[in-house]
Amino acid sequence: MIDFEKKGFFNIHTLLVKDDTNRSNNDNKHMYSQMMFGNTTSSMLSYLLNMNKQNLNDFKSIMFYNESNLASLINEAKEAEELLDENTIYLTKVAKKIKTQFSKVLEQRHSTRKFVYEMMDQGTFSTIVKFSFGLGSRKLVYDDLVASTRYYSSGGGLYPIDVYLYVNHVSGISKGIYKYQPYSHSLYPLNIEKIDSKNFFVGENIDIVNMNFCVFFEYSINKNFVKYGELALLNTLVELGGISHNFDLVCQSMYFTSCPIAGFNKSTIEKLLYLDGVNDHIVFTNICGKD
């Protein structure tokens, strides 16, 4: 039985601390209070307060995209962005059949940071990657344009998230970092000579030794800001959650487990991937292994 006299202990966000004199010893509870009273600024709160604010330029851009069907034109041309040469590694196009009942996958899904060593066969890897990040079979036809769809939703069908993979223990694929190319369902190696995976994540509770692979999600601002303006980040974060959850469920369906990780070394990974850190950002990570 909950003692409602102590409900603030369980619902700590209802407690506001009005004393702002001891600014040198603030914790998040104090910072929250000062944010609510307007005594201090927060990038997160500023974004939320202005999240759905749209200017004339936003309406003009959104209407232009919609009326000109520009998203479909961009979608149809995306295949040309992929690098297909002697270095390209094509993954198995025939996916393994997922036999696990969907309700069972939902019940059993859990996050795991410690794994046991097991080499993942390439067929399993290809299946996880395809159904998490790849193209679906459904096509959308707009006039004379054919747009491809994926296994997750994307605001305006612009797909601003690209996927990089650090492969650790997958049969037939050398350890290293690759960019996933969904149209050809392939990997393109970045040919980075020195990779210290110990610097990927914050802390020491992530089993980078035994994990099979990890995922770096890259957001390119120019891919959807031109249409959505300040609304672009919200759309992207919603999309990112869908992609990462797809990954969690597909891993579980193939009898592996995953763990979404927000504690990653952003600048370290961006430098490793040759990203500029201005237009292109690593915004989230996830790992996969056998528990």
Protein backbone atom coordinates (compact mmCIF):
# COMPACT_ATOMS: atom_id res chain seq x y z
CA MET A 1 0.00 0.00 0.00
CA ILE A 2 1.50 3.34 -1.04
CA ASP A 3 1.76 5.98 1.65
CA PHE A 4 0.32 8.95 -0.19
CA GLU A 5 1.92 11.27 2.35
CA LYS A 6 5.22 10.30 0.73
CA LYS A 7 4.05 10.36 -2.85
CA GLY A 8 6.71 12.91 -3.72
CA PHE A 9 9.32 10.23 -3.15
CA PHE A 10 7.79 8.13 -5.91
CA ASN A 11 6.78 11.06 -8.11
CA ILE A 12 9.79 13.26 -7.59
CA HIS A 13 9.04 15.54 -10.53
CA THR A 14 6.14 17.02 -8.54
CA LEU A 15 8.60 18.54 -6.06
CA LEU A 16 9.92 21.96 -7.02
CA VAL A 17 12.88 23.50 -5.24
CA LYS A 18 12.55 27.28 -5.18
CA ASP A 19 15.91 28.08 -3.60
CA ASP A 20 18.36 28.96 -6.38
CA THR A 21 21.09 30.43 -4.15
CA ASN A 22 23.33 27.36 -4.18
CA ARG A 23 24.02 27.21 -7.91
CA SER A 24 27.41 25.51 -7.46
CA ASN A 25 25.88 22.33 -6.06
CA ASN A 26 22.95 21.78 -8.41
CA ASP A 27 21.70 18.33 -9.37
CA ASN A 28 19.06 17.53 -11.99
CA LYS A 29 16.22 17.93 -9.47
CA HIS A 30 17.35 21.48 -8.75
CA MET A 31 17.97 22.18 -12.43
CA TYR A 32 14.46 20.97 -13.27
CA SER A 33 12.96 23.34 -10.74
CA GLN A 34 14.91 26.31 -12.05
CA MET A 35 13.93 25.42 -15.63
CA MET A 36 10.25 25.39 -14.67
CA PHE A 37 10.59 28.77 -12.93
CA GLY A 38 12.48 30.22 -15.91
CA ASN A 39 15.64 30.91 -13.88
CA THR A 40 17.92 28.88 -16.15
CA THR A 41 17.94 27.79 -19.77
CA SER A 42 17.82 24.32 -21.25
CA SER A 43 18.32 23.38 -24.89
CA MET A 44 15.84 20.56 -24.46
CA LEU A 45 13.14 22.77 -22.95
CA SER A 46 13.73 25.50 -25.53
CA TYR A 47 13.25 22.96 -28.29
CA LEU A 48 10.04 21.63 -26.71
CA LEU A 49 8.61 25.11 -26.22
CA ASN A 50 9.18 25.88 -29.90
CA MET A 51 8.74 22.38 -31.29
CA ASN A 52 5.63 22.92 -33.40
CA LYS A 53 6.26 26.56 -34.17
CA GLN A 54 6.25 27.00 -37.93
CA ASN A 55 7.15 30.05 -39.94
CA LEU A 56 6.09 31.06 -43.44
CA ASN A 57 9.24 29.50 -44.90
CA ASP A 58 8.27 26.15 -43.34
CA PHE A 59 4.82 26.19 -44.94
CA LYS A 60 6.30 27.22 -48.28
CA SER A 61 8.85 24.40 -48.17
CA ILE A 62 6.38 21.71 -47.08
CA MET A 63 3.86 22.74 -49.74
CA PHE A 64 6.58 22.78 -52.40
CA TYR A 65 7.69 19.26 -51.49
CA ASN A 66 4.13 17.95 -51.45
CA GLU A 67 2.89 19.64 -54.63
CA SER A 68 6.00 18.91 -56.67
CA ASN A 69 6.26 15.29 -55.45
CA LEU A 70 9.94 16.01 -54.81
CA ALA A 71 10.26 13.33 -52.12
CA SER A 72 9.39 10.61 -54.63
CA LEU A 73 11.93 11.98 -57.09
CA ILE A 74 14.60 11.96 -54.37
CA ASN A 75 13.54 8.46 -53.33
CA GLU A 76 13.83 7.11 -56.86
CA ALA A 77 17.32 8.60 -57.25
CA LYS A 78 18.68 7.34 -53.90
CA GLU A 79 19.87 4.08 -55.42
CA ALA A 80 22.49 6.05 -57.35
CA GLU A 81 24.13 7.09 -54.07
CA GLU A 82 25.37 3.56 -53.36
CA LEU A 83 28.93 2.47 -54.14
CA LEU A 84 29.02 -0.74 -56.14
CA ASP A 85 32.50 -1.92 -57.08
CA GLU A 86 34.97 -4.71 -56.32
CA ASN A 87 34.94 -3.76 -52.62
CA THR A 88 31.17 -4.08 -52.17
CA ILE A 89 30.02 -7.02 -50.05
CA TYR A 90 26.61 -8.26 -51.16
CA LEU A 91 24.54 -9.86 -48.42
CA THR A 92 22.30 -12.88 -48.91
CA LYS A 93 19.17 -11.63 -50.66
CA VAL A 94 17.01 -14.57 -49.62
CA ALA A 95 16.25 -13.85 -45.98
CA LYS A 96 15.90 -16.62 -43.44
CA LYS A 97 12.35 -17.38 -42.50
CA ILE A 98 11.44 -15.94 -39.13
CA LYS A 99 9.56 -18.69 -37.36
CA THR A 100 9.18 -17.11 -33.93
CA GLN A 101 5.62 -16.06 -33.13
CA PHE A 102 5.33 -12.27 -33.01
CA SER A 103 3.66 -12.19 -29.59
CA LYS A 104 6.50 -14.35 -28.24
CA VAL A 105 9.08 -11.94 -29.65
CA LEU A 106 7.35 -9.07 -27.87
CA GLU A 107 7.24 -11.00 -24.59
CA GLN A 108 10.88 -12.08 -24.75
CA ARG A 109 12.47 -8.85 -26.01
CA HIS A 110 14.98 -7.53 -23.50
CA SER A 111 18.18 -5.51 -23.44
CA THR A 112 21.49 -7.30 -22.88
CA ARG A 113 24.89 -5.75 -22.27
CA LYS A 114 26.80 -8.98 -21.58
CA PHE A 115 27.07 -11.71 -24.19
CA VAL A 116 28.56 -15.12 -24.73
CA TYR A 117 30.84 -15.68 -27.68
CA GLU A 118 29.06 -17.14 -30.69
CA MET A 119 29.92 -16.55 -34.32
CA MET A 120 26.81 -15.30 -36.14
CA ASP A 121 26.28 -16.91 -39.52
CA GLN A 122 25.98 -14.55 -42.45
CA GLY A 123 22.42 -15.62 -43.24
CA THR A 124 21.22 -14.56 -39.77
CA PHE A 125 23.17 -11.30 -40.02
CA SER A 126 21.71 -10.56 -43.45
CA THR A 127 18.17 -11.24 -42.21
CA ILE A 128 18.54 -8.97 -39.17
CA VAL A 129 19.99 -6.14 -41.26
CA LYS A 130 17.40 -6.49 -44.04
CA PHE A 131 14.29 -6.43 -41.85
CA SER A 132 15.71 -3.76 -39.55
CA PHE A 133 17.07 -1.26 -42.09
CA GLY A 134 16.38 -2.57 -45.60
CA LEU A 135 13.87 -2.06 -48.38
CA GLY A 136 10.46 -3.68 -48.32
CA SER A 137 8.82 -5.20 -51.36
CA ARG A 138 6.00 -2.63 -51.42
CA LYS A 139 6.36 0.12 -54.03
CA LEU A 140 4.48 3.41 -54.25
CA VAL A 141 3.73 4.84 -57.68
CA TYR A 142 3.24 8.61 -58.10
CA ASP A 143 2.57 9.54 -61.73
CA ASP A 144 5.66 8.16 -63.47
CA LEU A 145 7.80 7.89 -60.31
CA VAL A 146 8.28 4.67 -58.34
CA ALA A 147 9.23 5.08 -54.67
CA SER A 148 10.66 2.29 -52.55
CA THR A 149 9.50 1.72 -48.99
CA ARG A 150 11.30 0.36 -45.94
CA TYR A 151 10.35 -1.65 -42.88
CA TYR A 152 9.92 1.50 -40.79
CA SER A 153 8.14 4.82 -41.23
CA SER A 154 9.87 8.06 -42.17
CA GLY A 155 8.52 11.61 -42.15
CA GLY A 156 7.74 12.55 -45.75
CA GLY A 157 9.46 9.37 -46.96
CA LEU A 158 12.81 11.19 -46.88
CA TYR A 159 14.79 8.60 -44.84
CA PRO A 160 17.45 10.92 -43.33
CA ILE A 161 19.05 8.12 -41.27
CA ASP A 162 21.98 6.13 -42.66
CA VAL A 163 23.34 3.02 -40.97
CA TYR A 164 26.95 2.12 -40.25
CA LEU A 165 27.86 -1.27 -38.82
CA TYR A 166 30.87 -2.35 -36.81
CA VAL A 167 31.11 -6.07 -37.56
CA ASN A 168 32.84 -8.06 -34.83
CA HIS A 169 31.88 -11.75 -35.04
CA VAL A 170 30.01 -12.53 -38.28
CA SER A 171 31.12 -15.45 -40.44
CA GLY A 172 32.51 -14.52 -43.84
CA ILE A 173 32.78 -10.79 -43.06
CA SER A 174 36.05 -9.32 -41.84
CA LYS A 175 36.04 -7.34 -38.62
CA GLY A 176 35.63 -3.67 -39.44
CA ILE A 177 33.25 -0.77 -40.11
CA TYR A 178 30.87 -0.81 -43.07
CA LYS A 179 28.15 1.42 -44.45
CA TYR A 180 24.91 -0.43 -45.12
CA GLN A 181 23.44 0.13 -48.60
CA PRO A 182 19.74 -0.81 -48.54
CA TYR A 183 19.00 -0.71 -52.27
CA SER A 184 21.64 -3.31 -53.11
CA HIS A 185 21.42 -4.91 -49.64
CA SER A 186 25.17 -4.67 -49.35
CA LEU A 187 28.00 -3.43 -47.15
CA TYR A 188 30.67 -1.01 -48.25
CA PRO A 189 33.90 -1.15 -46.18
CA LEU A 190 35.39 2.08 -44.85
CA ASN A 191 38.89 0.52 -44.76
CA ILE A 192 39.83 2.07 -41.43
CA GLU A 193 43.15 0.64 -40.31
CA LYS A 194 43.01 1.27 -36.56
CA ILE A 195 39.71 0.72 -34.79
CA ASP A 196 39.60 0.80 -31.00
CA SER A 197 36.10 -0.44 -30.19
CA LYS A 198 36.73 0.19 -26.50
CA ASN A 199 36.21 3.88 -27.21
CA PHE A 200 32.78 3.48 -28.79
CA PHE A 201 30.75 3.61 -25.59
CA VAL A 202 30.81 5.37 -22.24
CA GLY A 203 31.56 3.15 -19.26
CA GLU A 204 32.74 -0.43 -19.06
CA ASN A 205 29.47 -2.39 -18.87
CA ILE A 206 29.11 -2.98 -22.64
CA ASP A 207 30.53 -6.31 -23.79
CA ILE A 208 32.32 -5.15 -26.92
CA VAL A 209 34.52 -8.27 -26.93
CA ASN A 210 31.70 -10.78 -27.44
CA MET A 211 29.10 -8.67 -29.24
CA ASN A 212 28.49 -9.78 -32.81
CA PHE A 213 28.08 -6.29 -34.23
CA CYS A 214 26.92 -2.82 -33.35
CA VAL A 215 25.00 -0.15 -35.22
CA PHE A 216 25.73 3.56 -35.58
CA PHE A 217 22.79 5.68 -36.73
CA GLU A 218 23.81 8.77 -38.72
CA TYR A 219 21.47 11.70 -39.24
CA SER A 220 22.12 14.08 -42.15
CA ILE A 221 20.30 17.34 -41.43
CA ASN A 222 20.07 18.42 -45.06
CA LYS A 223 17.97 15.36 -45.96
CA ASN A 224 14.84 16.58 -44.21
CA PHE A 225 15.47 20.09 -42.83
CA VAL A 226 14.91 21.60 -46.28
CA LYS A 227 11.31 20.38 -46.09
CA TYR A 228 10.46 20.43 -42.37
CA GLY A 229 12.71 23.11 -40.88
CA GLU A 230 12.79 22.99 -37.08
CA LEU A 231 10.29 20.11 -37.16
CA ALA A 232 12.93 17.93 -38.85
CA LEU A 233 14.62 16.80 -35.63
CA LEU A 234 11.36 15.62 -34.05
CA ASN A 235 10.51 13.61 -37.17
CA THR A 236 14.00 12.13 -37.17
CA LEU A 237 13.93 11.09 -33.51
CA VAL A 238 10.55 9.40 -34.00
CA GLU A 239 11.96 7.58 -37.03
CA LEU A 240 15.07 6.62 -35.10
CA GLY A 241 12.98 5.05 -32.35
CA GLY A 242 11.10 2.99 -34.93
CA ILE A 243 14.30 1.77 -36.58
CA SER A 244 15.98 0.86 -33.30
CA HIS A 245 12.90 -0.97 -32.03
CA ASN A 246 12.66 -2.85 -35.33
CA PHE A 247 16.24 -3.92 -34.75
CA ASP A 248 15.46 -5.06 -31.18
CA LEU A 249 12.53 -7.19 -32.32
CA VAL A 250 14.27 -8.73 -35.33
CA CYS A 251 17.33 -9.63 -33.22
CA GLN A 252 15.07 -11.31 -30.68
CA SER A 253 13.20 -13.19 -33.41
CA MET A 254 16.53 -14.63 -34.59
CA TYR A 255 17.45 -15.70 -31.02
CA PHE A 256 19.93 -12.90 -30.43
CA THR A 257 19.52 -9.91 -28.16
CA SER A 258 20.25 -6.21 -28.47
CA CYS A 259 20.70 -3.10 -26.37
CA PRO A 260 19.95 0.49 -27.44
CA ILE A 261 22.78 2.69 -26.15
CA ALA A 262 22.59 6.46 -25.74
CA GLY A 263 25.92 6.60 -23.87
CA PHE A 264 28.27 6.65 -26.83
CA ASN A 265 31.31 8.78 -27.65
CA LYS A 266 29.76 10.93 -30.35
CA SER A 267 32.80 12.90 -31.54
CA THR A 268 35.07 9.83 -31.47
CA ILE A 269 32.75 7.81 -33.69
CA GLU A 270 32.09 10.74 -36.05
CA LYS A 271 35.82 11.28 -36.58
CA LEU A 272 36.28 7.56 -37.18
CA LEU A 273 33.55 7.60 -39.85
CA TYR A 274 34.84 10.82 -41.46
CA LEU A 275 31.64 12.71 -40.61
CA ASP A 276 31.76 16.48 -40.31
CA GLY A 277 29.82 16.67 -37.04
CA VAL A 278 27.93 19.69 -38.39
CA ASN A 279 25.52 18.40 -41.02
CA ASP A 280 26.15 14.72 -40.28
CA HIS A 281 25.72 13.39 -36.74
CA ILE A 282 25.75 10.05 -34.97
CA VAL A 283 22.53 10.27 -32.96
CA PHE A 284 22.14 6.77 -31.49
CA THR A 285 23.68 3.30 -31.31
CA ASN A 286 22.58 -0.28 -30.75
CA ILE A 287 24.43 -3.57 -30.25
CA CYS A 288 23.64 -7.21 -30.95
CA GLY A 289 24.95 -10.39 -29.38
CA LYS A 290 24.08 -13.77 -27.87
CA ASP A 291 23.11 -13.83 -24.21
